[in-house]
Amino acid sequence: MEDLLSSKGRVKVLKVLLSEGQANITRIVRESGLNHRLVEKHLEELVRMGIVQERRYGRLRMFMVDLRDPKVSGLSEVLRQLESL
């Protein structure tokens, strides 16, 4: 978790996914304001951490978070509380 919160970019990507539920890279780039390569790098790390899941539909890659996962719902709550400070 420490690695996750140590990167503002990863937090931005995660916030987009938490608000959208699921999104492709293009949408995450647009919503986060980060460049494509950086978003791709952060998504790879989030998938590796088990926080984000990737599904492929042909060439389209969709990324999503599962709010039923206690780890993800806990992160969502932490981010909400941090924003309210």
N, C-alpha and C. Protein backbone atom coordinates (compact mmCIF):
# COMPACT_ATOMS: atom_id res chain seq x y z
N MET A 1 0.82 -1.19 0.00
CA MET A 1 0.00 0.00 0.00
C MET A 1 0.86 1.25 0.00
N GLU A 2 1.99 1.18 0.69
CA GLU A 2 2.89 2.33 0.74
C GLU A 2 3.33 2.73 -0.67
N ASP A 3 3.67 1.73 -1.51
CA ASP A 3 4.07 2.01 -2.89
C ASP A 3 2.96 2.69 -3.67
N LEU A 4 1.74 2.30 -3.41
CA LEU A 4 0.60 2.88 -4.12
C LEU A 4 0.48 4.36 -3.82
N LEU A 5 0.49 4.72 -2.56
CA LEU A 5 0.27 6.11 -2.17
C LEU A 5 1.50 6.99 -2.37
N SER A 6 2.65 6.38 -2.68
CA SER A 6 3.87 7.16 -2.88
C SER A 6 3.91 7.81 -4.25
N SER A 7 2.99 7.47 -5.13
CA SER A 7 2.95 8.01 -6.48
C SER A 7 1.66 8.77 -6.73
N LYS A 8 1.77 10.06 -6.97
CA LYS A 8 0.58 10.86 -7.28
C LYS A 8 -0.10 10.36 -8.55
N GLY A 9 0.71 9.89 -9.52
CA GLY A 9 0.16 9.38 -10.76
C GLY A 9 -0.69 8.15 -10.54
N ARG A 10 -0.19 7.21 -9.73
CA ARG A 10 -0.98 5.99 -9.45
C ARG A 10 -2.26 6.34 -8.72
N VAL A 11 -2.18 7.31 -7.82
CA VAL A 11 -3.39 7.74 -7.10
C VAL A 11 -4.39 8.35 -8.07
N LYS A 12 -3.92 9.15 -9.03
CA LYS A 12 -4.83 9.75 -10.03
C LYS A 12 -5.50 8.67 -10.86
N VAL A 13 -4.72 7.69 -11.31
CA VAL A 13 -5.27 6.59 -12.10
C VAL A 13 -6.30 5.83 -11.29
N LEU A 14 -5.99 5.54 -10.06
CA LEU A 14 -6.92 4.82 -9.20
C LEU A 14 -8.19 5.62 -8.96
N LYS A 15 -8.08 6.93 -8.76
CA LYS A 15 -9.28 7.76 -8.57
C LYS A 15 -10.19 7.71 -9.79
N VAL A 16 -9.59 7.74 -10.98
CA VAL A 16 -10.40 7.65 -12.21
C VAL A 16 -11.16 6.33 -12.22
N LEU A 17 -10.45 5.24 -11.93
CA LEU A 17 -11.11 3.94 -11.96
C LEU A 17 -12.16 3.80 -10.87
N LEU A 18 -11.92 4.37 -9.71
CA LEU A 18 -12.92 4.32 -8.64
C LEU A 18 -14.16 5.12 -9.02
N SER A 19 -14.00 6.23 -9.71
CA SER A 19 -15.16 7.05 -10.08
C SER A 19 -15.89 6.49 -11.29
N GLU A 20 -15.15 5.87 -12.22
CA GLU A 20 -15.75 5.35 -13.46
C GLU A 20 -16.18 3.89 -13.34
N GLY A 21 -15.57 3.16 -12.43
CA GLY A 21 -15.83 1.72 -12.33
C GLY A 21 -14.92 0.94 -13.24
N GLN A 22 -14.91 1.30 -14.51
CA GLN A 22 -13.98 0.70 -15.47
C GLN A 22 -13.71 1.70 -16.57
N ALA A 23 -12.56 1.58 -17.20
CA ALA A 23 -12.20 2.51 -18.27
C ALA A 23 -11.05 1.93 -19.08
N ASN A 24 -10.95 2.39 -20.33
CA ASN A 24 -9.79 2.01 -21.13
C ASN A 24 -8.69 3.06 -20.93
N ILE A 25 -7.52 2.80 -21.48
CA ILE A 25 -6.39 3.70 -21.25
C ILE A 25 -6.68 5.10 -21.76
N THR A 26 -7.30 5.22 -22.91
CA THR A 26 -7.59 6.54 -23.48
C THR A 26 -8.43 7.38 -22.52
N ARG A 27 -9.43 6.79 -21.95
CA ARG A 27 -10.28 7.53 -21.01
C ARG A 27 -9.51 7.90 -19.73
N ILE A 28 -8.70 6.98 -19.25
CA ILE A 28 -7.92 7.26 -18.05
C ILE A 28 -6.94 8.40 -18.31
N VAL A 29 -6.31 8.40 -19.49
CA VAL A 29 -5.39 9.49 -19.87
C VAL A 29 -6.14 10.81 -19.86
N ARG A 30 -7.31 10.84 -20.48
CA ARG A 30 -8.11 12.07 -20.56
C ARG A 30 -8.53 12.57 -19.18
N GLU A 31 -9.00 11.66 -18.34
CA GLU A 31 -9.52 12.05 -17.03
C GLU A 31 -8.41 12.39 -16.02
N SER A 32 -7.26 11.74 -16.16
CA SER A 32 -6.19 11.95 -15.18
C SER A 32 -5.26 13.10 -15.55
N GLY A 33 -5.20 13.42 -16.85
CA GLY A 33 -4.28 14.47 -17.30
C GLY A 33 -2.84 13.98 -17.44
N LEU A 34 -2.63 12.68 -17.33
CA LEU A 34 -1.28 12.10 -17.47
C LEU A 34 -1.08 11.63 -18.90
N ASN A 35 0.18 11.45 -19.31
CA ASN A 35 0.41 10.96 -20.67
C ASN A 35 0.19 9.44 -20.75
N HIS A 36 0.02 8.96 -21.97
CA HIS A 36 -0.35 7.57 -22.21
C HIS A 36 0.65 6.59 -21.62
N ARG A 37 1.93 6.80 -21.85
CA ARG A 37 2.96 5.87 -21.36
C ARG A 37 2.97 5.80 -19.84
N LEU A 38 2.80 6.95 -19.20
CA LEU A 38 2.79 6.99 -17.74
C LEU A 38 1.57 6.25 -17.18
N VAL A 39 0.41 6.45 -17.80
CA VAL A 39 -0.80 5.75 -17.37
C VAL A 39 -0.61 4.24 -17.54
N GLU A 40 -0.04 3.85 -18.67
CA GLU A 40 0.19 2.42 -18.92
C GLU A 40 1.11 1.83 -17.84
N LYS A 41 2.16 2.56 -17.49
CA LYS A 41 3.10 2.11 -16.45
C LYS A 41 2.40 1.97 -15.09
N HIS A 42 1.58 2.97 -14.74
CA HIS A 42 0.87 2.91 -13.46
C HIS A 42 -0.15 1.77 -13.44
N LEU A 43 -0.83 1.56 -14.56
CA LEU A 43 -1.79 0.46 -14.63
C LEU A 43 -1.10 -0.89 -14.46
N GLU A 44 0.06 -1.05 -15.10
CA GLU A 44 0.81 -2.31 -14.94
C GLU A 44 1.13 -2.55 -13.48
N GLU A 45 1.54 -1.51 -12.79
CA GLU A 45 1.88 -1.63 -11.36
C GLU A 45 0.64 -1.95 -10.52
N LEU A 46 -0.48 -1.29 -10.82
CA LEU A 46 -1.72 -1.53 -10.07
C LEU A 46 -2.24 -2.94 -10.29
N VAL A 47 -2.09 -3.45 -11.52
CA VAL A 47 -2.48 -4.83 -11.82
C VAL A 47 -1.56 -5.78 -11.04
N ARG A 48 -0.26 -5.49 -11.05
CA ARG A 48 0.69 -6.33 -10.32
C ARG A 48 0.38 -6.37 -8.83
N MET A 49 -0.08 -5.23 -8.27
CA MET A 49 -0.43 -5.15 -6.85
C MET A 49 -1.75 -5.87 -6.54
N GLY A 50 -2.52 -6.22 -7.58
CA GLY A 50 -3.79 -6.89 -7.37
C GLY A 50 -4.94 -5.94 -7.06
N ILE A 51 -4.75 -4.65 -7.31
CA ILE A 51 -5.77 -3.66 -7.02
C ILE A 51 -6.67 -3.44 -8.23
N VAL A 52 -6.08 -3.54 -9.42
CA VAL A 52 -6.80 -3.33 -10.67
C VAL A 52 -6.78 -4.62 -11.47
N GLN A 53 -7.87 -4.87 -12.17
CA GLN A 53 -7.97 -6.03 -13.04
C GLN A 53 -8.03 -5.54 -14.48
N GLU A 54 -7.45 -6.32 -15.39
CA GLU A 54 -7.47 -5.98 -16.81
C GLU A 54 -8.24 -7.05 -17.56
N ARG A 55 -9.08 -6.62 -18.49
CA ARG A 55 -9.78 -7.54 -19.39
C ARG A 55 -9.54 -7.07 -20.81
N ARG A 56 -9.31 -8.02 -21.68
CA ARG A 56 -9.08 -7.70 -23.09
C ARG A 56 -10.28 -8.14 -23.91
N TYR A 57 -10.67 -7.26 -24.80
CA TYR A 57 -11.73 -7.53 -25.77
C TYR A 57 -11.13 -7.23 -27.14
N GLY A 58 -10.49 -8.24 -27.73
CA GLY A 58 -9.73 -8.00 -28.96
C GLY A 58 -8.55 -7.10 -28.62
N ARG A 59 -8.48 -5.95 -29.28
CA ARG A 59 -7.38 -5.00 -29.02
C ARG A 59 -7.71 -4.04 -27.88
N LEU A 60 -8.95 -3.98 -27.46
CA LEU A 60 -9.38 -3.07 -26.39
C LEU A 60 -9.03 -3.66 -25.04
N ARG A 61 -8.36 -2.86 -24.22
CA ARG A 61 -8.01 -3.27 -22.86
C ARG A 61 -8.83 -2.42 -21.89
N MET A 62 -9.63 -3.08 -21.06
CA MET A 62 -10.44 -2.40 -20.06
C MET A 62 -9.85 -2.70 -18.69
N PHE A 63 -9.80 -1.65 -17.87
CA PHE A 63 -9.27 -1.78 -16.52
C PHE A 63 -10.38 -1.47 -15.54
N MET A 64 -10.42 -2.21 -14.44
CA MET A 64 -11.48 -2.02 -13.46
C MET A 64 -11.00 -2.36 -12.07
N VAL A 65 -11.73 -1.85 -11.10
CA VAL A 65 -11.50 -2.20 -9.70
C VAL A 65 -12.74 -2.93 -9.20
N ASP A 66 -12.54 -3.84 -8.29
CA ASP A 66 -13.65 -4.59 -7.70
C ASP A 66 -13.87 -4.06 -6.29
N LEU A 67 -14.91 -3.26 -6.11
CA LEU A 67 -15.17 -2.66 -4.81
C LEU A 67 -15.58 -3.68 -3.76
N ARG A 68 -15.89 -4.90 -4.18
CA ARG A 68 -16.20 -5.95 -3.20
C ARG A 68 -14.93 -6.48 -2.54
N ASP A 69 -13.79 -6.22 -3.17
CA ASP A 69 -12.49 -6.63 -2.61
C ASP A 69 -12.20 -5.71 -1.42
N PRO A 70 -12.01 -6.28 -0.23
CA PRO A 70 -11.77 -5.45 0.97
C PRO A 70 -10.57 -4.51 0.82
N LYS A 71 -9.54 -4.96 0.11
CA LYS A 71 -8.36 -4.12 -0.09
C LYS A 71 -8.74 -2.87 -0.90
N VAL A 72 -9.54 -3.05 -1.94
CA VAL A 72 -9.94 -1.93 -2.80
C VAL A 72 -10.93 -1.02 -2.09
N SER A 73 -11.89 -1.59 -1.40
CA SER A 73 -12.86 -0.74 -0.69
C SER A 73 -12.18 0.05 0.41
N GLY A 74 -11.18 -0.54 1.06
CA GLY A 74 -10.41 0.18 2.07
C GLY A 74 -9.64 1.34 1.47
N LEU A 75 -9.01 1.10 0.30
CA LEU A 75 -8.30 2.17 -0.39
C LEU A 75 -9.24 3.29 -0.80
N SER A 76 -10.40 2.92 -1.27
CA SER A 76 -11.40 3.91 -1.67
C SER A 76 -11.77 4.81 -0.50
N GLU A 77 -11.95 4.20 0.65
CA GLU A 77 -12.30 4.96 1.86
C GLU A 77 -11.14 5.87 2.29
N VAL A 78 -9.92 5.37 2.24
CA VAL A 78 -8.75 6.18 2.60
C VAL A 78 -8.65 7.39 1.67
N LEU A 79 -8.81 7.19 0.38
CA LEU A 79 -8.72 8.30 -0.58
C LEU A 79 -9.83 9.33 -0.34
N ARG A 80 -11.02 8.85 -0.03
CA ARG A 80 -12.13 9.77 0.27
C ARG A 80 -11.81 10.62 1.50
N GLN A 81 -11.27 9.99 2.52
CA GLN A 81 -10.94 10.72 3.75
C GLN A 81 -9.81 11.71 3.50
N LEU A 82 -8.83 11.35 2.70
CA LEU A 82 -7.73 12.26 2.39
C LEU A 82 -8.22 13.50 1.63
N GLU A 83 -9.18 13.30 0.72
CA GLU A 83 -9.72 14.42 -0.03
C GLU A 83 -10.50 15.38 0.85
N SER A 84 -11.08 14.88 1.93
CA SER A 84 -11.89 15.74 2.79
C SER A 84 -11.05 16.54 3.79
N LEU A 85 -9.74 16.28 3.86
CA LEU A 85 -8.85 17.02 4.76
C LEU A 85 -8.59 18.42 4.27
